[in-house]
Structure formats: structure tokens, C-alpha cells
Amino acid sequence: MSQSSFQPRAVPPRPPLVWLLGASSWLLLVLVPAGALAWLGFAILAAIGRRRSWWIAAIVYGLAAIVFAQLDYPLGDISQGVLFLVSLVHAIGANPTWLNLLWGRRENGQNLLGNRTPVRAAAGPRQRAAALSPEEDRLLGGPGIARSDYLAEPAQAPTARRKRKTRAERRAEEAAARSESRVTALSDGASARGTATAAALAPERSAQDSDVELIDVNTANQRALAKLPGLDRGTAKAAVTERSNRGGFASLEDFASTVGLQPHEIVRLRNAAFCSPRPRAQRSFGRRVDF
């Protein structure tokens, strides 16, 4: 004979007394003498609860309070007394509906206006315990009961599996790294040679011309070369053409001999110009095949 397991029905949590008193505080507006503010209380209920009947009651009580206040004694006092009693009875009857509406929104995770509030993921045991109802928290906190036996731990996000690189991809990365290091070494060597040449030419500058900007004969244009001592527009144009054919001048003396300067003009030229290293041709790592 099989024994049926008995499962007690979960008792829904009841609202605390402090909450009930706070939610029923709108009745204080109805208790104002002559029912003068009963319309305001029902207007608050209608705005939060979104009930058409409460809107109608607020409008009717508001108009009645305005009209009855204009009547003379004793009709005015009697009318205001009737308005006070009717609005009070109506408020007492509507308050349970109002309390059930607010508590239902709270139980469903909604705010005061009935909108859904965002639920945050529990990050630890304290947050998981706070998400439980008071009755469930009391039962789980009993002697001999472990929370971990009944509360499931949050599932951890699976870590992304690292993709294993193929041999061809590793070879391509190594070749790219070698090419980059080779280009860096070549650029560093060119920079070092240019620095050494500039340092060697620096003592040739005189103290009186230290503020004069020197012209590089391997990079200057025709207009700049024409300003050098012993040169004009014609010799500057010929120098630029010869520089393009050679790929640059080897030294300042090479430039002077090319344009045909005299020895005394070369001395003046050293105080106004210098010659940077000629640019090296781009190296090719290909292999030439003859057909």
C-alpha cells in the first residue's frame, strides 16, 4: 500500500499592520468636516489605481462640495452633513479594494503605479535570502536545515573556449613578427647614420651663423638652392636634375663640384648648407629568375 505524501498548502504572506495604516492614510482626507476634501482622496485613488468609478466619485464629490458650500443655513449644513456621511461610507467600502490592489502590485514586483520594476540577478547568499518571503525565510532558517540544500546556486556563465591556432596561422604570425623586427632594425640604422652625420657636420657651423637655418642640398627644392652662395636659378635647376639622376649627392663637395663652384665659394657654402645621407634604394627580398 503506497503512502501519499502530504504537502501543506503555502500560506500567502499577509501585509504588515504598519503598511496597512500607511496605505489607508488617504481616509484622513475624507474625515475633513463637510466632505470638503473627499473628492481629493478619491482623485488620488483614481490616479494611482486607474479606476473609472473612482474618477467619477471624485468629480461628483467635488461638484457637490462646491454647490453645497453656496447654500444658506440650514439647507447648506444639512447637505454638507449628508455629503460627509455618504463619502465616508463610500471610502470605507472602497478601502479594501484599494489595499488589495496595492498589495497585489507589490507581490507581482510592480511599483506604486503598476509598472514592472527591473529584477536584479542575485549575486550572493544575502541577496537570495532577501528575495524570499518572510514565511519561507523562517522555515529555511530552522535548526538542522541548510539553505544550500534547497536554494540552487546561480549558474555560472560558461567560459569561452580558446580556439587553437593552426600551424599555418602560427607560421604566418612568426613571419610577420620577423618582417616587422627587420624593418624596425633598418629604420633604426638609418636614423643612427643620419644622427652621426649631423653630429659630424655640426662643428663646421660657425658661431656667428649658429642661428641661420642650413639648407640640405639633397632635399631642398630649386628655389631654396638658388639662394645658396655662388648659385643662381640656372645652376639650381641643373643641380636638381643631376640629383634626380644620381639619386642624391654623396657629400657637400660632390654637390659643389657638380654645380662648378670655386674653392672660396665652397667655404661660404659650408656656412649655409649641408648634405644629408642619400636615401637608400628599397631592398627587395625577392629572387630574380632569368628566362
C-alpha atoms as a PDB file:
ATOM      1  CA  MET A   1       0.000   0.000   0.000  1.00  0.00           C
ATOM      2  CA  SER A   2       1.589   3.250  -1.099  1.00  0.00           C
ATOM      3  CA  GLN A   3       1.525   6.204   1.230  1.00  0.00           C
ATOM      4  CA  SER A   4       0.635   9.512  -0.363  1.00  0.00           C
ATOM      5  CA  SER A   5       2.947  12.341   0.595  1.00  0.00           C
ATOM      6  CA  PHE A   6       1.212  15.216   2.322  1.00  0.00           C
ATOM      7  CA  GLN A   7       2.175  18.645   1.043  1.00  0.00           C
ATOM      8  CA  PRO A   8       0.875  21.596   3.068  1.00  0.00           C
ATOM      9  CA  ARG A   9      -0.551  24.497   1.130  1.00  0.00           C
ATOM     10  CA  ALA A  10       1.634  27.581   1.162  1.00  0.00           C
ATOM     11  CA  VAL A  11       0.069  30.394   3.140  1.00  0.00           C
ATOM     12  CA  PRO A  12       0.364  33.723   1.307  1.00  0.00           C
ATOM     13  CA  PRO A  13       2.102  36.391   3.385  1.00  0.00           C
ATOM     14  CA  ARG A  14      -0.152  38.969   4.947  1.00  0.00           C
ATOM     15  CA  PRO A  15       0.577  42.677   4.784  1.00  0.00           C
ATOM     16  CA  PRO A  16       2.014  44.096   8.000  1.00  0.00           C
ATOM     17  CA  LEU A  17      -0.008  46.449  10.149  1.00  0.00           C
ATOM     18  CA  VAL A  18       2.289  49.395   9.516  1.00  0.00           C
ATOM     19  CA  TRP A  19       1.823  49.000   5.780  1.00  0.00           C
ATOM     20  CA  LEU A  20      -1.966  48.803   6.152  1.00  0.00           C
ATOM     21  CA  LEU A  21      -2.055  52.015   8.158  1.00  0.00           C
ATOM     22  CA  GLY A  22       0.170  53.826   5.674  1.00  0.00           C
ATOM     23  CA  ALA A  23      -1.888  52.698   2.672  1.00  0.00           C
ATOM     24  CA  SER A  24      -5.130  53.729   4.418  1.00  0.00           C
ATOM     25  CA  SER A  25      -3.885  57.216   5.274  1.00  0.00           C
ATOM     26  CA  TRP A  26      -5.921  58.648   2.390  1.00  0.00           C
ATOM     27  CA  LEU A  27      -9.021  58.287   4.572  1.00  0.00           C
ATOM     28  CA  LEU A  28      -7.872  61.330   6.535  1.00  0.00           C
ATOM     29  CA  LEU A  29      -8.966  63.474   3.597  1.00  0.00           C
ATOM     30  CA  VAL A  30     -12.466  62.029   3.801  1.00  0.00           C
ATOM     31  CA  LEU A  31     -12.676  62.812   7.548  1.00  0.00           C
ATOM     32  CA  VAL A  32     -12.417  66.547   6.875  1.00  0.00           C
ATOM     33  CA  PRO A  33     -15.719  68.123   8.006  1.00  0.00           C
ATOM     34  CA  ALA A  34     -18.462  68.734   5.452  1.00  0.00           C
ATOM     35  CA  GLY A  35     -16.784  66.346   2.976  1.00  0.00           C
ATOM     36  CA  ALA A  36     -14.751  69.231   1.570  1.00  0.00           C
ATOM     37  CA  LEU A  37     -11.730  67.072   0.640  1.00  0.00           C
ATOM     38  CA  ALA A  38     -13.425  63.757  -0.117  1.00  0.00           C
ATOM     39  CA  TRP A  39     -13.011  64.442  -3.810  1.00  0.00           C
ATOM     40  CA  LEU A  40      -9.230  64.776  -3.364  1.00  0.00           C
ATOM     41  CA  GLY A  41      -8.972  61.384  -1.657  1.00  0.00           C
ATOM     42  CA  PHE A  42     -10.862  59.627  -4.462  1.00  0.00           C
ATOM     43  CA  ALA A  43      -8.840  61.536  -7.050  1.00  0.00           C
ATOM     44  CA  ILE A  44      -5.632  60.117  -5.534  1.00  0.00           C
ATOM     45  CA  LEU A  45      -7.106  56.605  -5.652  1.00  0.00           C
ATOM     46  CA  ALA A  46      -8.197  57.071  -9.257  1.00  0.00           C
ATOM     47  CA  ALA A  47      -4.807  58.402 -10.372  1.00  0.00           C
ATOM     48  CA  ILE A  48      -2.873  55.509  -8.807  1.00  0.00           C
ATOM     49  CA  GLY A  49      -5.431  52.723  -9.171  1.00  0.00           C
ATOM     50  CA  ARG A  50      -6.622  53.776 -12.641  1.00  0.00           C
ATOM     51  CA  ARG A  51     -10.286  53.048 -11.875  1.00  0.00           C
ATOM     52  CA  ARG A  52     -13.025  54.896 -13.762  1.00  0.00           C
ATOM     53  CA  SER A  53     -15.516  54.605 -10.869  1.00  0.00           C
ATOM     54  CA  TRP A  54     -13.136  56.444  -8.534  1.00  0.00           C
ATOM     55  CA  TRP A  55     -12.712  59.227 -11.094  1.00  0.00           C
ATOM     56  CA  ILE A  56     -16.492  59.599 -11.290  1.00  0.00           C
ATOM     57  CA  ALA A  57     -16.759  59.698  -7.481  1.00  0.00           C
ATOM     58  CA  ALA A  58     -14.050  62.369  -7.260  1.00  0.00           C
ATOM     59  CA  ILE A  59     -15.843  64.557  -9.812  1.00  0.00           C
ATOM     60  CA  VAL A  60     -19.258  64.124  -8.173  1.00  0.00           C
ATOM     61  CA  TYR A  61     -17.978  64.832  -4.644  1.00  0.00           C
ATOM     62  CA  GLY A  62     -16.024  67.850  -5.855  1.00  0.00           C
ATOM     63  CA  LEU A  63     -19.031  69.400  -7.593  1.00  0.00           C
ATOM     64  CA  ALA A  64     -21.271  68.606  -4.608  1.00  0.00           C
ATOM     65  CA  ALA A  65     -18.816  70.276  -2.192  1.00  0.00           C
ATOM     66  CA  ILE A  66     -18.797  73.448  -4.314  1.00  0.00           C
ATOM     67  CA  VAL A  67     -22.586  73.579  -4.702  1.00  0.00           C
ATOM     68  CA  PHE A  68     -23.413  72.767  -1.038  1.00  0.00           C
ATOM     69  CA  ALA A  69     -20.985  75.420   0.178  1.00  0.00           C
ATOM     70  CA  GLN A  70     -23.067  78.082  -1.598  1.00  0.00           C
ATOM     71  CA  LEU A  71     -26.372  77.110   0.113  1.00  0.00           C
ATOM     72  CA  ASP A  72     -27.682  79.026   3.083  1.00  0.00           C
ATOM     73  CA  TYR A  73     -28.420  77.730   6.566  1.00  0.00           C
ATOM     74  CA  PRO A  74     -29.913  75.265   7.342  1.00  0.00           C
ATOM     75  CA  LEU A  75     -30.090  73.628   3.926  1.00  0.00           C
ATOM     76  CA  GLY A  76     -26.369  74.069   3.372  1.00  0.00           C
ATOM     77  CA  ASP A  77     -25.368  72.440   6.674  1.00  0.00           C
ATOM     78  CA  ILE A  78     -27.724  69.516   6.139  1.00  0.00           C
ATOM     79  CA  SER A  79     -26.419  68.952   2.602  1.00  0.00           C
ATOM     80  CA  GLN A  80     -22.795  69.066   3.737  1.00  0.00           C
ATOM     81  CA  GLY A  81     -23.543  66.620   6.556  1.00  0.00           C
ATOM     82  CA  VAL A  82     -25.138  64.189   4.095  1.00  0.00           C
ATOM     83  CA  LEU A  83     -22.150  64.577   1.757  1.00  0.00           C
ATOM     84  CA  PHE A  84     -19.773  63.804   4.652  1.00  0.00           C
ATOM     85  CA  LEU A  85     -21.634  60.609   5.625  1.00  0.00           C
ATOM     86  CA  VAL A  86     -22.023  59.358   2.040  1.00  0.00           C
ATOM     87  CA  SER A  87     -18.373  59.956   1.182  1.00  0.00           C
ATOM     88  CA  LEU A  88     -17.215  58.312   4.432  1.00  0.00           C
ATOM     89  CA  VAL A  89     -19.277  55.164   3.837  1.00  0.00           C
ATOM     90  CA  HIS A  90     -18.099  55.051   0.225  1.00  0.00           C
ATOM     91  CA  ALA A  91     -14.454  55.445   1.316  1.00  0.00           C
ATOM     92  CA  ILE A  92     -14.686  52.671   3.919  1.00  0.00           C
ATOM     93  CA  GLY A  93     -16.161  50.347   1.296  1.00  0.00           C
ATOM     94  CA  ALA A  94     -13.506  51.237  -1.311  1.00  0.00           C
ATOM     95  CA  ASN A  95     -10.520  50.945   1.040  1.00  0.00           C
ATOM     96  CA  PRO A  96     -10.293  47.087   0.960  1.00  0.00           C
ATOM     97  CA  THR A  97     -10.240  47.166  -2.835  1.00  0.00           C
ATOM     98  CA  TRP A  98      -7.526  49.811  -2.666  1.00  0.00           C
ATOM     99  CA  LEU A  99      -5.425  47.747  -0.226  1.00  0.00           C
ATOM    100  CA  ASN A 100      -5.759  44.566  -2.299  1.00  0.00           C
ATOM    101  CA  LEU A 101      -4.728  46.488  -5.403  1.00  0.00           C
ATOM    102  CA  LEU A 102      -1.582  47.909  -3.805  1.00  0.00           C
ATOM    103  CA  TRP A 103      -0.557  44.629  -2.146  1.00  0.00           C
ATOM    104  CA  GLY A 104      -1.104  42.696  -5.367  1.00  0.00           C
ATOM    105  CA  ARG A 105       1.172  45.076  -7.241  1.00  0.00           C
ATOM    106  CA  ARG A 106       3.811  44.662  -4.554  1.00  0.00           C
ATOM    107  CA  GLU A 107       3.617  40.878  -4.716  1.00  0.00           C
ATOM    108  CA  ASN A 108       3.901  40.934  -8.517  1.00  0.00           C
ATOM    109  CA  GLY A 109       7.063  43.038  -8.447  1.00  0.00           C
ATOM    110  CA  GLN A 110       5.357  46.265  -9.583  1.00  0.00           C
ATOM    111  CA  ASN A 111       5.768  49.792  -8.273  1.00  0.00           C
ATOM    112  CA  LEU A 112       3.045  52.049  -6.898  1.00  0.00           C
ATOM    113  CA  LEU A 113       1.779  52.988 -10.378  1.00  0.00           C
ATOM    114  CA  GLY A 114       1.625  49.376 -11.557  1.00  0.00           C
ATOM    115  CA  ASN A 115       4.760  49.397 -13.709  1.00  0.00           C
ATOM    116  CA  ARG A 116       7.101  46.428 -13.720  1.00  0.00           C
ATOM    117  CA  THR A 117      10.294  47.070 -11.741  1.00  0.00           C
ATOM    118  CA  PRO A 118      13.565  45.610 -13.076  1.00  0.00           C
ATOM    119  CA  VAL A 119      14.681  42.480 -11.259  1.00  0.00           C
ATOM    120  CA  ARG A 120      18.368  42.289 -10.421  1.00  0.00           C
ATOM    121  CA  ALA A 121      20.177  38.988 -10.544  1.00  0.00           C
ATOM    122  CA  ALA A 122      21.139  37.640  -7.142  1.00  0.00           C
ATOM    123  CA  ALA A 123      24.881  37.862  -6.611  1.00  0.00           C
ATOM    124  CA  GLY A 124      25.249  36.167  -3.221  1.00  0.00           C
ATOM    125  CA  PRO A 125      23.509  34.301  -0.386  1.00  0.00           C
ATOM    126  CA  ARG A 126      22.285  37.514   1.280  1.00  0.00           C
ATOM    127  CA  GLN A 127      20.510  38.728  -1.865  1.00  0.00           C
ATOM    128  CA  ARG A 128      18.933  35.317  -2.429  1.00  0.00           C
ATOM    129  CA  ALA A 129      17.664  35.342   1.131  1.00  0.00           C
ATOM    130  CA  ALA A 130      16.202  38.837   0.685  1.00  0.00           C
ATOM    131  CA  ALA A 131      14.238  37.667  -2.368  1.00  0.00           C
ATOM    132  CA  LEU A 132      12.340  35.076  -0.264  1.00  0.00           C
ATOM    133  CA  SER A 133       9.101  35.724   1.531  1.00  0.00           C
ATOM    134  CA  PRO A 134       9.190  36.048   5.361  1.00  0.00           C
ATOM    135  CA  GLU A 135       7.467  32.666   5.767  1.00  0.00           C
ATOM    136  CA  GLU A 136       9.965  30.858   3.515  1.00  0.00           C
ATOM    137  CA  ASP A 137      12.871  32.575   5.203  1.00  0.00           C
ATOM    138  CA  ARG A 138      11.612  31.477   8.621  1.00  0.00           C
ATOM    139  CA  LEU A 139      11.220  27.840   7.504  1.00  0.00           C
ATOM    140  CA  LEU A 140      14.665  27.693   5.898  1.00  0.00           C
ATOM    141  CA  GLY A 141      16.267  29.198   8.988  1.00  0.00           C
ATOM    142  CA  GLY A 142      15.114  26.381  11.244  1.00  0.00           C
ATOM    143  CA  PRO A 143      17.539  24.084  13.101  1.00  0.00           C
ATOM    144  CA  GLY A 144      19.142  21.313  11.039  1.00  0.00           C
ATOM    145  CA  ILE A 145      18.178  22.882   7.692  1.00  0.00           C
ATOM    146  CA  ALA A 146      20.843  24.106   5.288  1.00  0.00           C
ATOM    147  CA  ARG A 147      19.906  26.716   2.723  1.00  0.00           C
ATOM    148  CA  SER A 148      22.231  25.178   0.151  1.00  0.00           C
ATOM    149  CA  ASP A 149      20.097  22.001   0.180  1.00  0.00           C
ATOM    150  CA  TYR A 150      17.028  23.888  -1.093  1.00  0.00           C
ATOM    151  CA  LEU A 151      18.323  27.002  -2.836  1.00  0.00           C
ATOM    152  CA  ALA A 152      20.007  26.437  -6.181  1.00  0.00           C
ATOM    153  CA  GLU A 153      23.240  28.282  -6.727  1.00  0.00           C
ATOM    154  CA  PRO A 154      23.263  30.654  -9.720  1.00  0.00           C
ATOM    155  CA  ALA A 155      24.572  29.022 -12.844  1.00  0.00           C
ATOM    156  CA  GLN A 156      27.956  30.321 -13.867  1.00  0.00           C
ATOM    157  CA  ALA A 157      28.383  31.565 -17.381  1.00  0.00           C
ATOM    158  CA  PRO A 158      30.398  29.112 -19.487  1.00  0.00           C
ATOM    159  CA  THR A 159      33.870  30.388 -20.191  1.00  0.00           C
ATOM    160  CA  ALA A 160      34.709  30.920 -23.818  1.00  0.00           C
ATOM    161  CA  ARG A 161      36.831  28.113 -25.123  1.00  0.00           C
ATOM    162  CA  ARG A 162      40.103  29.288 -26.536  1.00  0.00           C
ATOM    163  CA  LYS A 163      40.439  28.484 -30.182  1.00  0.00           C
ATOM    164  CA  ARG A 164      43.551  26.556 -31.012  1.00  0.00           C
ATOM    165  CA  LYS A 165      45.641  28.079 -33.780  1.00  0.00           C
ATOM    166  CA  THR A 166      46.684  26.016 -36.734  1.00  0.00           C
ATOM    167  CA  ARG A 167      50.276  25.542 -37.812  1.00  0.00           C
ATOM    168  CA  ALA A 168      49.809  27.780 -40.848  1.00  0.00           C
ATOM    169  CA  GLU A 169      48.463  30.621 -38.669  1.00  0.00           C
ATOM    170  CA  ARG A 170      51.407  30.322 -36.272  1.00  0.00           C
ATOM    171  CA  ARG A 171      53.876  30.408 -39.169  1.00  0.00           C
ATOM    172  CA  ALA A 172      52.192  33.489 -40.636  1.00  0.00           C
ATOM    173  CA  GLU A 173      52.368  35.295 -37.265  1.00  0.00           C
ATOM    174  CA  GLU A 174      56.059  34.408 -36.847  1.00  0.00           C
ATOM    175  CA  ALA A 175      56.881  35.630 -40.377  1.00  0.00           C
ATOM    176  CA  ALA A 176      55.036  38.908 -39.747  1.00  0.00           C
ATOM    177  CA  ALA A 177      56.935  39.396 -36.485  1.00  0.00           C
ATOM    178  CA  ARG A 178      60.292  38.775 -38.197  1.00  0.00           C
ATOM    179  CA  SER A 179      59.463  41.207 -41.016  1.00  0.00           C
ATOM    180  CA  GLU A 180      58.405  43.869 -38.525  1.00  0.00           C
ATOM    181  CA  SER A 181      61.616  43.465 -36.490  1.00  0.00           C
ATOM    182  CA  ARG A 182      63.712  43.640 -39.689  1.00  0.00           C
ATOM    183  CA  VAL A 183      62.022  46.859 -40.833  1.00  0.00           C
ATOM    184  CA  THR A 184      62.478  48.350 -37.356  1.00  0.00           C
ATOM    185  CA  ALA A 185      66.185  47.477 -37.374  1.00  0.00           C
ATOM    186  CA  LEU A 186      66.661  49.076 -40.811  1.00  0.00           C
ATOM    187  CA  SER A 187      64.876  52.266 -39.776  1.00  0.00           C
ATOM    188  CA  ASP A 188      66.882  52.446 -36.537  1.00  0.00           C
ATOM    189  CA  GLY A 189      70.148  52.055 -38.511  1.00  0.00           C
ATOM    190  CA  ALA A 190      69.185  54.815 -40.934  1.00  0.00           C
ATOM    191  CA  SER A 191      68.284  57.105 -38.047  1.00  0.00           C
ATOM    192  CA  ALA A 192      71.615  56.372 -36.334  1.00  0.00           C
ATOM    193  CA  ARG A 193      73.573  57.138 -39.525  1.00  0.00           C
ATOM    194  CA  GLY A 194      71.690  60.398 -40.020  1.00  0.00           C
ATOM    195  CA  THR A 195      72.363  61.408 -36.410  1.00  0.00           C
ATOM    196  CA  ALA A 196      76.081  60.643 -36.748  1.00  0.00           C
ATOM    197  CA  THR A 197      76.344  62.656 -39.977  1.00  0.00           C
ATOM    198  CA  ALA A 198      74.553  65.639 -38.436  1.00  0.00           C
ATOM    199  CA  ALA A 199      76.863  65.457 -35.420  1.00  0.00           C
ATOM    200  CA  ALA A 200      79.924  65.377 -37.700  1.00  0.00           C
ATOM    201  CA  LEU A 201      78.695  68.411 -39.655  1.00  0.00           C
ATOM    202  CA  ALA A 202      77.765  70.381 -36.558  1.00  0.00           C
ATOM    203  CA  PRO A 203      81.343  71.590 -35.742  1.00  0.00           C
ATOM    204  CA  GLU A 204      81.599  73.111 -39.240  1.00  0.00           C
ATOM    205  CA  ARG A 205      78.959  75.721 -38.407  1.00  0.00           C
ATOM    206  CA  SER A 206      80.461  78.982 -37.268  1.00  0.00           C
ATOM    207  CA  ALA A 207      79.426  80.728 -34.080  1.00  0.00           C
ATOM    208  CA  GLN A 208      78.103  83.760 -35.948  1.00  0.00           C
ATOM    209  CA  ASP A 209      75.901  81.674 -38.187  1.00  0.00           C
ATOM    210  CA  SER A 210      74.534  79.418 -35.406  1.00  0.00           C
ATOM    211  CA  ASP A 211      71.069  80.969 -35.719  1.00  0.00           C
ATOM    212  CA  VAL A 212      70.967  80.561 -39.544  1.00  0.00           C
ATOM    213  CA  GLU A 213      68.958  77.542 -40.765  1.00  0.00           C
ATOM    214  CA  LEU A 214      71.113  75.392 -43.062  1.00  0.00           C
ATOM    215  CA  ILE A 215      69.788  74.068 -46.357  1.00  0.00           C
ATOM    216  CA  ASP A 216      70.003  70.369 -47.144  1.00  0.00           C
ATOM    217  CA  VAL A 217      71.242  70.030 -50.742  1.00  0.00           C
ATOM    218  CA  ASN A 218      69.751  66.522 -51.008  1.00  0.00           C
ATOM    219  CA  THR A 219      66.195  67.579 -50.122  1.00  0.00           C
ATOM    220  CA  ALA A 220      65.865  71.307 -50.898  1.00  0.00           C
ATOM    221  CA  ASN A 221      63.883  72.480 -53.913  1.00  0.00           C
ATOM    222  CA  GLN A 222      65.149  74.649 -56.765  1.00  0.00           C
ATOM    223  CA  ARG A 223      64.109  77.933 -55.148  1.00  0.00           C
ATOM    224  CA  ALA A 224      65.993  77.146 -51.918  1.00  0.00           C
ATOM    225  CA  LEU A 225      69.135  76.042 -53.776  1.00  0.00           C
ATOM    226  CA  ALA A 226      69.169  79.286 -55.795  1.00  0.00           C
ATOM    227  CA  LYS A 227      69.663  81.229 -52.553  1.00  0.00           C
ATOM    228  CA  LEU A 228      72.977  79.488 -51.751  1.00  0.00           C
ATOM    229  CA  PRO A 229      76.292  81.370 -52.310  1.00  0.00           C
ATOM    230  CA  GLY A 230      77.562  81.031 -55.892  1.00  0.00           C
ATOM    231  CA  LEU A 231      74.273  79.605 -57.276  1.00  0.00           C
ATOM    232  CA  ASP A 232      71.525  81.115 -59.378  1.00  0.00           C
ATOM    233  CA  ARG A 233      68.283  79.791 -60.872  1.00  0.00           C
ATOM    234  CA  GLY A 234      70.051  78.065 -63.769  1.00  0.00           C
ATOM    235  CA  THR A 235      72.658  76.247 -61.656  1.00  0.00           C
ATOM    236  CA  ALA A 236      69.973  75.314 -59.082  1.00  0.00           C
ATOM    237  CA  LYS A 237      67.804  73.747 -61.795  1.00  0.00           C
ATOM    238  CA  ALA A 238      70.804  71.797 -63.141  1.00  0.00           C
ATOM    239  CA  ALA A 239      71.644  70.642 -59.608  1.00  0.00           C
ATOM    240  CA  VAL A 240      68.107  69.346 -59.047  1.00  0.00           C
ATOM    241  CA  THR A 241      68.197  67.461 -62.362  1.00  0.00           C
ATOM    242  CA  GLU A 242      71.573  65.912 -61.576  1.00  0.00           C
ATOM    243  CA  ARG A 243      70.407  64.979 -58.084  1.00  0.00           C
ATOM    244  CA  SER A 244      67.390  63.165 -59.512  1.00  0.00           C
ATOM    245  CA  ASN A 245      69.599  61.218 -61.937  1.00  0.00           C
ATOM    246  CA  ARG A 246      72.110  60.187 -59.277  1.00  0.00           C
ATOM    247  CA  GLY A 247      69.635  59.561 -56.515  1.00  0.00           C
ATOM    248  CA  GLY A 248      71.327  62.199 -54.308  1.00  0.00           C
ATOM    249  CA  PHE A 249      74.732  63.728 -53.663  1.00  0.00           C
ATOM    250  CA  ALA A 250      77.390  61.868 -51.704  1.00  0.00           C
ATOM    251  CA  SER A 251      78.723  64.959 -49.891  1.00  0.00           C
ATOM    252  CA  LEU A 252      78.708  68.738 -49.911  1.00  0.00           C
ATOM    253  CA  GLU A 253      81.938  68.711 -52.002  1.00  0.00           C
ATOM    254  CA  ASP A 254      80.220  66.446 -54.547  1.00  0.00           C
ATOM    255  CA  PHE A 255      77.400  68.967 -54.820  1.00  0.00           C
ATOM    256  CA  ALA A 256      79.887  71.867 -55.182  1.00  0.00           C
ATOM    257  CA  SER A 257      81.837  70.153 -57.915  1.00  0.00           C
ATOM    258  CA  THR A 258      78.624  69.280 -59.750  1.00  0.00           C
ATOM    259  CA  VAL A 259      77.467  72.905 -59.919  1.00  0.00           C
ATOM    260  CA  GLY A 260      81.052  74.138 -60.598  1.00  0.00           C
ATOM    261  CA  LEU A 261      81.767  76.269 -57.515  1.00  0.00           C
ATOM    262  CA  GLN A 262      85.182  77.809 -56.826  1.00  0.00           C
ATOM    263  CA  PRO A 263      87.176  76.994 -53.642  1.00  0.00           C
ATOM    264  CA  HIS A 264      86.289  80.301 -51.947  1.00  0.00           C
ATOM    265  CA  GLU A 265      82.630  79.711 -52.802  1.00  0.00           C
ATOM    266  CA  ILE A 266      82.786  76.236 -51.247  1.00  0.00           C
ATOM    267  CA  VAL A 267      83.968  77.806 -47.963  1.00  0.00           C
ATOM    268  CA  ARG A 268      80.948  80.134 -47.966  1.00  0.00           C
ATOM    269  CA  LEU A 269      78.682  77.205 -48.925  1.00  0.00           C
ATOM    270  CA  ARG A 270      79.642  75.250 -45.798  1.00  0.00           C
ATOM    271  CA  ASN A 271      78.175  78.006 -43.623  1.00  0.00           C
ATOM    272  CA  ALA A 272      74.846  77.922 -45.471  1.00  0.00           C
ATOM    273  CA  ALA A 273      74.213  74.270 -46.449  1.00  0.00           C
ATOM    274  CA  PHE A 274      74.894  70.667 -45.532  1.00  0.00           C
ATOM    275  CA  CYS A 275      74.433  67.301 -47.230  1.00  0.00           C
ATOM    276  CA  SER A 276      72.341  64.583 -45.608  1.00  0.00           C
ATOM    277  CA  PRO A 277      72.919  60.907 -46.478  1.00  0.00           C
ATOM    278  CA  ARG A 278      71.442  59.965 -49.817  1.00  0.00           C
ATOM    279  CA  PRO A 279      68.334  57.797 -49.480  1.00  0.00           C
ATOM    280  CA  ARG A 280      68.957  54.113 -49.884  1.00  0.00           C
ATOM    281  CA  ALA A 281      67.105  52.178 -52.529  1.00  0.00           C
ATOM    282  CA  GLN A 282      64.320  49.965 -51.232  1.00  0.00           C
ATOM    283  CA  ARG A 283      65.585  46.455 -50.652  1.00  0.00           C
ATOM    284  CA  SER A 284      63.821  43.607 -52.328  1.00  0.00           C
ATOM    285  CA  PHE A 285      63.744  40.175 -50.785  1.00  0.00           C
ATOM    286  CA  GLY A 286      62.521  38.543 -53.996  1.00  0.00           C
ATOM    287  CA  ARG A 287      64.585  36.306 -56.216  1.00  0.00           C
ATOM    288  CA  ARG A 288      65.372  37.257 -59.796  1.00  0.00           C
ATOM    289  CA  VAL A 289      64.693  34.494 -62.363  1.00  0.00           C
ATOM    290  CA  ASP A 290      66.297  34.656 -65.830  1.00  0.00           C
ATOM    291  CA  PHE A 291      64.422  33.078 -68.728  1.00  0.00           C
END
